Amino acid sequence: MKTNVGTIDRILRIVIGCAILGAGYALKSWWGLVGLVPLLTAAFGYCPAYLPFGINTCGLKDKE
């Protein structure tokens, strides 16, 4: 997998993921587990939803 999530994007995903997990915990709801999605995409640096749209926030270009 190529990295397609940049540094700022990763930071935002971590913050949002933690907020969703925290809200789920505070509200005692299983919906908080949805926060794992942005956390995992931040951890791996790859977002499959970006693929069909050709989005790459990483900023690195492939060197040929």
C-alpha atoms as a PDB file:
ATOM      1  CA  MET A   1       0.000   0.000   0.000  1.00  0.00           C
ATOM      2  CA  LYS A   2       1.239   3.437  -0.877  1.00  0.00           C
ATOM      3  CA  THR A   3       0.848   6.195   1.658  1.00  0.00           C
ATOM      4  CA  ASN A   4      -1.854   8.677   0.666  1.00  0.00           C
ATOM      5  CA  VAL A   5      -2.479  10.429   4.010  1.00  0.00           C
ATOM      6  CA  GLY A   6      -0.234  13.372   4.896  1.00  0.00           C
ATOM      7  CA  THR A   7       0.962  14.612   8.279  1.00  0.00           C
ATOM      8  CA  ILE A   8      -1.742  17.226   8.881  1.00  0.00           C
ATOM      9  CA  ASP A   9      -4.400  14.781   7.694  1.00  0.00           C
ATOM     10  CA  ARG A  10      -3.052  12.165  10.116  1.00  0.00           C
ATOM     11  CA  ILE A  11      -3.103  14.576  13.050  1.00  0.00           C
ATOM     12  CA  LEU A  12      -6.699  15.568  12.301  1.00  0.00           C
ATOM     13  CA  ARG A  13      -7.725  11.923  11.999  1.00  0.00           C
ATOM     14  CA  ILE A  14      -6.125  11.103  15.361  1.00  0.00           C
ATOM     15  CA  VAL A  15      -7.893  14.012  17.077  1.00  0.00           C
ATOM     16  CA  ILE A  16     -11.256  13.199  15.478  1.00  0.00           C
ATOM     17  CA  GLY A  17     -10.876   9.475  16.143  1.00  0.00           C
ATOM     18  CA  CYS A  18     -10.067  10.065  19.806  1.00  0.00           C
ATOM     19  CA  ALA A  19     -13.016  12.465  20.120  1.00  0.00           C
ATOM     20  CA  ILE A  20     -15.424   9.914  18.641  1.00  0.00           C
ATOM     21  CA  LEU A  21     -14.061   7.144  20.865  1.00  0.00           C
ATOM     22  CA  GLY A  22     -14.304   9.419  23.892  1.00  0.00           C
ATOM     23  CA  ALA A  23     -17.875  10.415  23.068  1.00  0.00           C
ATOM     24  CA  GLY A  24     -18.825   6.781  22.615  1.00  0.00           C
ATOM     25  CA  TYR A  25     -17.283   5.901  25.953  1.00  0.00           C
ATOM     26  CA  ALA A  26     -18.924   8.841  27.741  1.00  0.00           C
ATOM     27  CA  LEU A  27     -22.320   8.055  26.230  1.00  0.00           C
ATOM     28  CA  LYS A  28     -21.820   4.304  26.723  1.00  0.00           C
ATOM     29  CA  SER A  29     -22.510   3.658  23.058  1.00  0.00           C
ATOM     30  CA  TRP A  30     -21.002   1.142  20.648  1.00  0.00           C
ATOM     31  CA  TRP A  31     -21.039   3.883  18.011  1.00  0.00           C
ATOM     32  CA  GLY A  32     -17.827   5.127  19.574  1.00  0.00           C
ATOM     33  CA  LEU A  33     -16.033   2.280  17.825  1.00  0.00           C
ATOM     34  CA  VAL A  34     -16.501   4.218  14.584  1.00  0.00           C
ATOM     35  CA  GLY A  35     -13.610   6.315  15.908  1.00  0.00           C
ATOM     36  CA  LEU A  36     -11.295   3.397  15.154  1.00  0.00           C
ATOM     37  CA  VAL A  37     -11.614   4.072  11.415  1.00  0.00           C
ATOM     38  CA  PRO A  38      -9.837   7.446  11.423  1.00  0.00           C
ATOM     39  CA  LEU A  39      -7.318   6.155  13.973  1.00  0.00           C
ATOM     40  CA  LEU A  40      -6.432   3.160  11.806  1.00  0.00           C
ATOM     41  CA  THR A  41      -6.163   5.217   8.617  1.00  0.00           C
ATOM     42  CA  ALA A  42      -3.861   7.608  10.479  1.00  0.00           C
ATOM     43  CA  ALA A  43      -1.761   4.733  11.819  1.00  0.00           C
ATOM     44  CA  PHE A  44      -1.342   3.069   8.425  1.00  0.00           C
ATOM     45  CA  GLY A  45      -1.137   6.303   6.421  1.00  0.00           C
ATOM     46  CA  TYR A  46      -3.547   4.897   3.854  1.00  0.00           C
ATOM     47  CA  CYS A  47      -7.194   5.766   3.259  1.00  0.00           C
ATOM     48  CA  PRO A  48      -9.057   3.445   0.861  1.00  0.00           C
ATOM     49  CA  ALA A  49     -11.789   6.086   0.380  1.00  0.00           C
ATOM     50  CA  TYR A  50      -9.214   8.380  -1.266  1.00  0.00           C
ATOM     51  CA  LEU A  51      -8.376   5.792  -3.950  1.00  0.00           C
ATOM     52  CA  PRO A  52     -11.383   6.220  -6.314  1.00  0.00           C
ATOM     53  CA  PHE A  53     -11.012  10.002  -6.205  1.00  0.00           C
ATOM     54  CA  GLY A  54      -7.240  10.045  -6.694  1.00  0.00           C
ATOM     55  CA  ILE A  55      -6.706  12.109  -3.543  1.00  0.00           C
ATOM     56  CA  ASN A  56      -3.230  12.145  -2.023  1.00  0.00           C
ATOM     57  CA  THR A  57      -2.531  14.468   0.912  1.00  0.00           C
ATOM     58  CA  CYS A  58       0.902  12.976   1.493  1.00  0.00           C
ATOM     59  CA  GLY A  59       2.647  15.415  -0.806  1.00  0.00           C
ATOM     60  CA  LEU A  60       5.263  12.897  -1.927  1.00  0.00           C
ATOM     61  CA  LYS A  61       5.527  12.259  -5.640  1.00  0.00           C
ATOM     62  CA  ASP A  62       6.609   8.926  -7.063  1.00  0.00           C
ATOM     63  CA  LYS A  63      10.151   9.140  -8.370  1.00  0.00           C
ATOM     64  CA  GLU A  64      10.707   7.297 -11.620  1.00  0.00           C
END
